[in-house]
Amino acid sequence: MKTIKKGYTQEHYAPMPTKTTLFWRNFIPWQIVRFFVLNLKILKIVVKGHS
């Protein structure tokens, strides 16, 4: 029995971000907050490694 191959279907593609996701990715105040949170996490790891 021969299987029939279909072309590309929706599950072959990455999911599209929602409007809410796009908003938070482009919202500058939120990006500034995330920048400082990430830097604090990195700083904590570096300080632990040097003690």
Protein backbone atom coordinates (compact mmCIF):
# COMPACT_ATOMS: atom_id res chain seq x y z
CA MET A 1 0.00 0.00 0.00
CA LYS A 2 1.42 3.35 -1.02
CA THR A 3 1.08 6.34 1.34
CA ILE A 4 0.03 9.68 -0.03
CA LYS A 5 2.23 12.57 1.03
CA LYS A 6 0.56 15.91 1.60
CA GLY A 7 2.23 19.24 1.00
CA TYR A 8 3.12 21.59 3.80
CA THR A 9 0.32 21.91 6.32
CA GLN A 10 -0.18 24.36 9.16
CA GLU A 11 1.72 22.20 11.66
CA HIS A 12 4.90 22.56 9.61
CA TYR A 13 5.09 26.27 10.36
CA ALA A 14 5.93 28.13 13.56
CA PRO A 15 2.89 29.51 15.43
CA MET A 16 2.06 33.17 14.88
CA PRO A 17 2.36 35.37 17.99
CA THR A 18 -0.83 36.87 19.37
CA LYS A 19 -1.51 40.60 19.46
CA THR A 20 -0.82 40.58 23.21
CA THR A 21 2.56 38.92 22.69
CA LEU A 22 3.50 41.42 20.00
CA PHE A 23 2.44 44.28 22.28
CA TRP A 24 4.70 43.15 25.14
CA ARG A 25 7.62 42.56 22.76
CA ASN A 26 7.36 46.14 21.47
CA PHE A 27 6.43 47.94 24.72
CA ILE A 28 9.61 49.88 25.61
CA PRO A 29 8.96 50.33 29.39
CA TRP A 30 8.47 46.57 29.74
CA GLN A 31 11.68 45.92 27.78
CA ILE A 32 13.59 48.21 30.15
CA VAL A 33 12.25 46.31 33.18
CA ARG A 34 13.15 42.94 31.60
CA PHE A 35 16.63 44.29 30.74
CA PHE A 36 17.35 45.12 34.39
CA VAL A 37 15.89 41.85 35.68
CA LEU A 38 18.09 39.88 33.29
CA ASN A 39 21.15 41.91 34.25
CA LEU A 40 20.48 41.29 37.95
CA LYS A 41 20.25 37.55 37.31
CA ILE A 42 23.53 37.57 35.40
CA LEU A 43 25.20 39.70 38.08
CA LYS A 44 24.06 37.26 40.77
CA ILE A 45 25.60 34.34 38.87
CA VAL A 46 28.89 36.22 38.32
CA VAL A 47 29.14 37.26 41.99
CA LYS A 48 28.53 33.65 43.10
CA GLY A 49 31.29 32.45 40.79
CA HIS A 50 33.85 34.93 42.14
CA SER A 51 33.35 34.19 45.81
